[in-house]
Amino acid sequence: MASLFELAKILRSKNSGPFELTLDVLFDNEESYFRVKESGKINIDTVCKLYGITEDRVCNIVFFDPALGFKITILRDVSSGTIGDRDVYGAQQHAPLMNLEV
């Protein structure tokens, strides 16, 4: 087993508009990418557990083989820049994925 942090080349998050966050995970080799993809660990249930959200807050999970990466889009708790927003750019939200064991 290895953590997603150890396998991925890039783990990042960003706003996908004011109401959504996108989590990007990119790999620099096919072996690691397909290991993660074929593990089945990247799914709605895992995302919900890691982020403490319900299924209806997960917009999509998309694997893109040509880029050796996947993208997860979830709804933000509050819109970007409003009262209560702790990360206006959504740039610190990838951390829960880092320690996922695959």
N, C-alpha and C. Protein backbone atom coordinates (compact mmCIF):
# COMPACT_ATOMS: atom_id res chain seq x y z
N MET A 1 0.84 -1.18 0.00
CA MET A 1 0.00 0.00 0.00
C MET A 1 0.88 1.25 0.00
N ALA A 2 0.41 2.26 -0.66
CA ALA A 2 1.08 3.55 -0.69
C ALA A 2 0.01 4.63 -0.62
N SER A 3 0.39 5.79 -0.11
CA SER A 3 -0.56 6.89 -0.05
C SER A 3 -0.67 7.55 -1.43
N LEU A 4 -1.77 8.21 -1.65
CA LEU A 4 -1.95 8.93 -2.91
C LEU A 4 -0.86 10.00 -3.05
N PHE A 5 -0.44 10.57 -1.95
CA PHE A 5 0.64 11.56 -1.96
C PHE A 5 1.93 10.97 -2.54
N GLU A 6 2.21 9.72 -2.22
CA GLU A 6 3.41 9.06 -2.72
C GLU A 6 3.31 8.68 -4.19
N LEU A 7 2.12 8.38 -4.65
CA LEU A 7 1.92 7.90 -6.02
C LEU A 7 1.73 9.01 -7.04
N ALA A 8 1.10 10.09 -6.64
CA ALA A 8 0.76 11.17 -7.58
C ALA A 8 1.90 12.16 -7.73
N LYS A 9 2.00 12.75 -8.89
CA LYS A 9 2.97 13.82 -9.13
C LYS A 9 2.39 15.16 -8.68
N ILE A 10 1.09 15.35 -8.93
CA ILE A 10 0.41 16.60 -8.58
C ILE A 10 -0.90 16.28 -7.87
N LEU A 11 -1.09 16.89 -6.72
CA LEU A 11 -2.35 16.85 -5.98
C LEU A 11 -2.70 18.30 -5.72
N ARG A 12 -3.81 18.77 -6.26
CA ARG A 12 -4.15 20.18 -6.08
C ARG A 12 -5.66 20.36 -6.05
N SER A 13 -6.06 21.51 -5.55
CA SER A 13 -7.47 21.87 -5.56
C SER A 13 -7.58 23.31 -6.00
N LYS A 14 -8.76 23.64 -6.52
CA LYS A 14 -9.00 25.01 -6.97
C LYS A 14 -10.50 25.20 -7.12
N ASN A 15 -10.89 26.45 -7.20
CA ASN A 15 -12.29 26.74 -7.46
C ASN A 15 -12.66 26.29 -8.86
N SER A 16 -13.88 25.82 -8.96
CA SER A 16 -14.47 25.52 -10.26
C SER A 16 -15.71 26.40 -10.34
N GLY A 17 -15.48 27.68 -10.30
CA GLY A 17 -16.56 28.65 -10.15
C GLY A 17 -16.74 28.94 -8.67
N PRO A 18 -17.64 29.83 -8.32
CA PRO A 18 -17.79 30.24 -6.92
C PRO A 18 -18.47 29.20 -6.02
N PHE A 19 -19.10 28.19 -6.61
CA PHE A 19 -19.88 27.25 -5.82
C PHE A 19 -19.33 25.83 -5.81
N GLU A 20 -18.25 25.58 -6.53
CA GLU A 20 -17.68 24.24 -6.63
C GLU A 20 -16.17 24.25 -6.42
N LEU A 21 -15.66 23.12 -5.96
CA LEU A 21 -14.21 22.89 -5.84
C LEU A 21 -13.84 21.73 -6.75
N THR A 22 -12.71 21.84 -7.38
CA THR A 22 -12.19 20.75 -8.20
C THR A 22 -10.89 20.27 -7.58
N LEU A 23 -10.78 18.96 -7.44
CA LEU A 23 -9.59 18.31 -6.92
C LEU A 23 -8.94 17.60 -8.09
N ASP A 24 -7.71 17.95 -8.42
CA ASP A 24 -6.99 17.35 -9.53
C ASP A 24 -5.89 16.45 -9.00
N VAL A 25 -5.78 15.26 -9.57
CA VAL A 25 -4.70 14.35 -9.22
C VAL A 25 -4.09 13.87 -10.53
N LEU A 26 -2.79 14.15 -10.70
CA LEU A 26 -2.07 13.80 -11.93
C LEU A 26 -0.86 12.94 -11.60
N PHE A 27 -0.55 12.03 -12.49
CA PHE A 27 0.54 11.09 -12.30
C PHE A 27 1.57 11.26 -13.40
N ASP A 28 2.80 10.84 -13.11
CA ASP A 28 3.84 10.94 -14.14
C ASP A 28 4.20 9.59 -14.74
N ASN A 29 3.40 8.55 -14.38
CA ASN A 29 3.63 7.25 -15.00
C ASN A 29 2.34 6.44 -15.02
N GLU A 30 2.21 5.61 -16.01
CA GLU A 30 0.99 4.81 -16.19
C GLU A 30 0.79 3.81 -15.06
N GLU A 31 1.86 3.25 -14.55
CA GLU A 31 1.75 2.25 -13.50
C GLU A 31 1.02 2.81 -12.28
N SER A 32 1.44 3.96 -11.81
CA SER A 32 0.78 4.56 -10.63
C SER A 32 -0.64 4.98 -10.94
N TYR A 33 -0.84 5.59 -12.11
CA TYR A 33 -2.18 6.04 -12.48
C TYR A 33 -3.17 4.86 -12.51
N PHE A 34 -2.81 3.81 -13.23
CA PHE A 34 -3.73 2.68 -13.35
C PHE A 34 -3.86 1.90 -12.04
N ARG A 35 -2.83 1.93 -11.22
CA ARG A 35 -2.93 1.32 -9.89
C ARG A 35 -4.05 2.00 -9.09
N VAL A 36 -4.07 3.31 -9.11
CA VAL A 36 -5.09 4.06 -8.39
C VAL A 36 -6.45 3.88 -9.05
N LYS A 37 -6.50 4.04 -10.36
CA LYS A 37 -7.78 3.92 -11.07
C LYS A 37 -8.41 2.54 -10.87
N GLU A 38 -7.62 1.51 -11.04
CA GLU A 38 -8.14 0.14 -10.97
C GLU A 38 -8.38 -0.34 -9.54
N SER A 39 -7.88 0.40 -8.55
CA SER A 39 -8.11 0.02 -7.15
C SER A 39 -9.58 0.18 -6.77
N GLY A 40 -10.27 1.07 -7.47
CA GLY A 40 -11.66 1.34 -7.14
C GLY A 40 -11.84 2.23 -5.91
N LYS A 41 -10.74 2.70 -5.35
CA LYS A 41 -10.83 3.51 -4.13
C LYS A 41 -11.29 4.94 -4.39
N ILE A 42 -11.17 5.39 -5.61
CA ILE A 42 -11.63 6.74 -5.93
C ILE A 42 -13.08 6.63 -6.38
N ASN A 43 -13.98 6.87 -5.45
CA ASN A 43 -15.41 6.74 -5.73
C ASN A 43 -16.19 7.72 -4.84
N ILE A 44 -17.47 7.80 -5.06
CA ILE A 44 -18.30 8.74 -4.32
C ILE A 44 -18.26 8.48 -2.82
N ASP A 45 -18.30 7.21 -2.42
CA ASP A 45 -18.29 6.87 -1.00
C ASP A 45 -17.01 7.36 -0.32
N THR A 46 -15.87 7.13 -0.97
CA THR A 46 -14.59 7.58 -0.42
C THR A 46 -14.55 9.09 -0.29
N VAL A 47 -14.98 9.80 -1.33
CA VAL A 47 -14.97 11.26 -1.31
C VAL A 47 -15.86 11.78 -0.17
N CYS A 48 -17.03 11.18 -0.02
CA CYS A 48 -17.94 11.59 1.05
C CYS A 48 -17.32 11.39 2.43
N LYS A 49 -16.66 10.27 2.63
CA LYS A 49 -16.03 10.01 3.93
C LYS A 49 -14.87 10.97 4.18
N LEU A 50 -14.02 11.18 3.17
CA LEU A 50 -12.87 12.06 3.35
C LEU A 50 -13.26 13.51 3.61
N TYR A 51 -14.32 13.96 2.96
CA TYR A 51 -14.71 15.37 3.05
C TYR A 51 -15.91 15.61 3.96
N GLY A 52 -16.45 14.55 4.54
CA GLY A 52 -17.57 14.71 5.46
C GLY A 52 -18.79 15.32 4.79
N ILE A 53 -19.06 14.85 3.56
CA ILE A 53 -20.19 15.38 2.79
C ILE A 53 -21.13 14.25 2.38
N THR A 54 -22.31 14.62 1.92
CA THR A 54 -23.26 13.64 1.42
C THR A 54 -23.10 13.46 -0.09
N GLU A 55 -23.61 12.36 -0.60
CA GLU A 55 -23.46 12.02 -2.02
C GLU A 55 -23.94 13.12 -2.96
N ASP A 56 -24.97 13.83 -2.58
CA ASP A 56 -25.52 14.86 -3.46
C ASP A 56 -24.58 16.06 -3.62
N ARG A 57 -23.52 16.13 -2.82
CA ARG A 57 -22.54 17.22 -2.93
C ARG A 57 -21.37 16.87 -3.85
N VAL A 58 -21.32 15.64 -4.32
CA VAL A 58 -20.28 15.21 -5.27
C VAL A 58 -20.85 15.41 -6.67
N CYS A 59 -20.26 16.34 -7.40
CA CYS A 59 -20.75 16.64 -8.76
C CYS A 59 -20.30 15.60 -9.76
N ASN A 60 -19.01 15.26 -9.73
CA ASN A 60 -18.52 14.21 -10.64
C ASN A 60 -17.12 13.77 -10.25
N ILE A 61 -16.79 12.60 -10.75
CA ILE A 61 -15.45 12.03 -10.66
C ILE A 61 -15.12 11.56 -12.07
N VAL A 62 -14.07 12.12 -12.64
CA VAL A 62 -13.73 11.81 -14.02
C VAL A 62 -12.27 11.38 -14.13
N PHE A 63 -12.06 10.19 -14.65
CA PHE A 63 -10.71 9.72 -14.97
C PHE A 63 -10.44 10.04 -16.43
N PHE A 64 -9.23 10.52 -16.72
CA PHE A 64 -8.86 10.87 -18.10
C PHE A 64 -7.52 10.21 -18.40
N ASP A 65 -7.60 9.04 -19.01
CA ASP A 65 -6.42 8.22 -19.26
C ASP A 65 -5.32 8.94 -20.06
N PRO A 66 -5.65 9.68 -21.13
CA PRO A 66 -4.57 10.33 -21.90
C PRO A 66 -3.71 11.29 -21.07
N ALA A 67 -4.29 11.88 -20.02
CA ALA A 67 -3.54 12.82 -19.18
C ALA A 67 -3.01 12.16 -17.91
N LEU A 68 -3.29 10.87 -17.74
CA LEU A 68 -2.89 10.14 -16.53
C LEU A 68 -3.36 10.88 -15.27
N GLY A 69 -4.64 11.20 -15.26
CA GLY A 69 -5.16 11.92 -14.10
C GLY A 69 -6.65 11.77 -13.92
N PHE A 70 -7.10 12.25 -12.78
CA PHE A 70 -8.54 12.29 -12.53
C PHE A 70 -8.90 13.58 -11.82
N LYS A 71 -10.17 13.91 -11.91
CA LYS A 71 -10.71 15.14 -11.35
C LYS A 71 -11.96 14.80 -10.56
N ILE A 72 -12.05 15.40 -9.39
CA ILE A 72 -13.23 15.26 -8.55
C ILE A 72 -13.79 16.66 -8.35
N THR A 73 -15.07 16.84 -8.60
CA THR A 73 -15.69 18.14 -8.37
C THR A 73 -16.78 17.99 -7.32
N ILE A 74 -16.69 18.84 -6.29
CA ILE A 74 -17.67 18.81 -5.21
C ILE A 74 -18.21 20.23 -4.99
N LEU A 75 -19.38 20.29 -4.39
CA LEU A 75 -19.97 21.58 -4.06
C LEU A 75 -19.27 22.16 -2.83
N ARG A 76 -19.01 23.45 -2.85
CA ARG A 76 -18.43 24.15 -1.70
C ARG A 76 -19.49 24.28 -0.61
N ASP A 77 -19.04 24.35 0.65
CA ASP A 77 -19.97 24.59 1.77
C ASP A 77 -20.60 25.96 1.67
N VAL A 78 -19.77 26.96 1.36
CA VAL A 78 -20.23 28.33 1.14
C VAL A 78 -19.57 28.83 -0.13
N SER A 79 -20.17 29.79 -0.79
CA SER A 79 -19.57 30.27 -2.03
C SER A 79 -18.27 31.02 -1.75
N SER A 80 -17.40 31.00 -2.72
CA SER A 80 -16.09 31.62 -2.59
C SER A 80 -16.20 33.10 -2.25
N GLY A 81 -15.48 33.51 -1.19
CA GLY A 81 -15.42 34.91 -0.82
C GLY A 81 -16.52 35.40 0.09
N THR A 82 -17.47 34.54 0.43
CA THR A 82 -18.54 34.99 1.32
C THR A 82 -18.14 34.79 2.78
N ILE A 83 -18.94 35.34 3.68
CA ILE A 83 -18.69 35.17 5.11
C ILE A 83 -18.66 33.68 5.43
N GLY A 84 -17.65 33.27 6.14
CA GLY A 84 -17.51 31.87 6.51
C GLY A 84 -16.60 31.08 5.58
N ASP A 85 -16.23 31.67 4.46
CA ASP A 85 -15.32 30.99 3.54
C ASP A 85 -13.91 31.05 4.11
N ARG A 86 -13.30 29.89 4.28
CA ARG A 86 -11.95 29.83 4.86
C ARG A 86 -10.86 29.67 3.81
N ASP A 87 -11.23 29.53 2.55
CA ASP A 87 -10.24 29.32 1.49
C ASP A 87 -10.80 29.88 0.19
N VAL A 88 -10.66 31.18 0.01
CA VAL A 88 -11.32 31.88 -1.10
C VAL A 88 -10.96 31.30 -2.47
N TYR A 89 -9.76 30.77 -2.62
CA TYR A 89 -9.34 30.21 -3.92
C TYR A 89 -9.55 28.70 -4.01
N GLY A 90 -9.91 28.08 -2.91
CA GLY A 90 -10.10 26.63 -2.91
C GLY A 90 -8.79 25.87 -3.04
N ALA A 91 -7.67 26.53 -2.74
CA ALA A 91 -6.36 25.96 -3.00
C ALA A 91 -5.82 25.05 -1.89
N GLN A 92 -6.55 24.92 -0.81
CA GLN A 92 -6.05 24.10 0.31
C GLN A 92 -6.95 22.91 0.59
N GLN A 93 -7.75 22.51 -0.35
CA GLN A 93 -8.76 21.49 -0.09
C GLN A 93 -8.38 20.08 -0.54
N HIS A 94 -7.20 19.90 -1.06
CA HIS A 94 -6.78 18.58 -1.53
C HIS A 94 -6.21 17.70 -0.41
N ALA A 95 -5.93 18.28 0.73
CA ALA A 95 -5.26 17.56 1.82
C ALA A 95 -5.94 16.25 2.24
N PRO A 96 -7.26 16.15 2.35
CA PRO A 96 -7.85 14.88 2.75
C PRO A 96 -7.52 13.71 1.80
N LEU A 97 -7.23 14.01 0.56
CA LEU A 97 -6.88 12.94 -0.40
C LEU A 97 -5.47 12.41 -0.19
N MET A 98 -4.60 13.23 0.36
CA MET A 98 -3.17 12.90 0.43
C MET A 98 -2.85 11.57 1.08
N ASN A 99 -3.52 11.26 2.17
CA ASN A 99 -3.20 10.06 2.93
C ASN A 99 -4.03 8.84 2.56
N LEU A 100 -4.84 8.95 1.52
CA LEU A 100 -5.63 7.81 1.07
C LEU A 100 -4.69 6.68 0.65
N GLU A 101 -4.83 5.53 1.25
CA GLU A 101 -3.97 4.38 0.93
C GLU A 101 -4.53 3.61 -0.26
N VAL A 102 -3.65 3.34 -1.20
CA VAL A 102 -4.04 2.60 -2.42
C VAL A 102 -3.10 1.43 -2.60
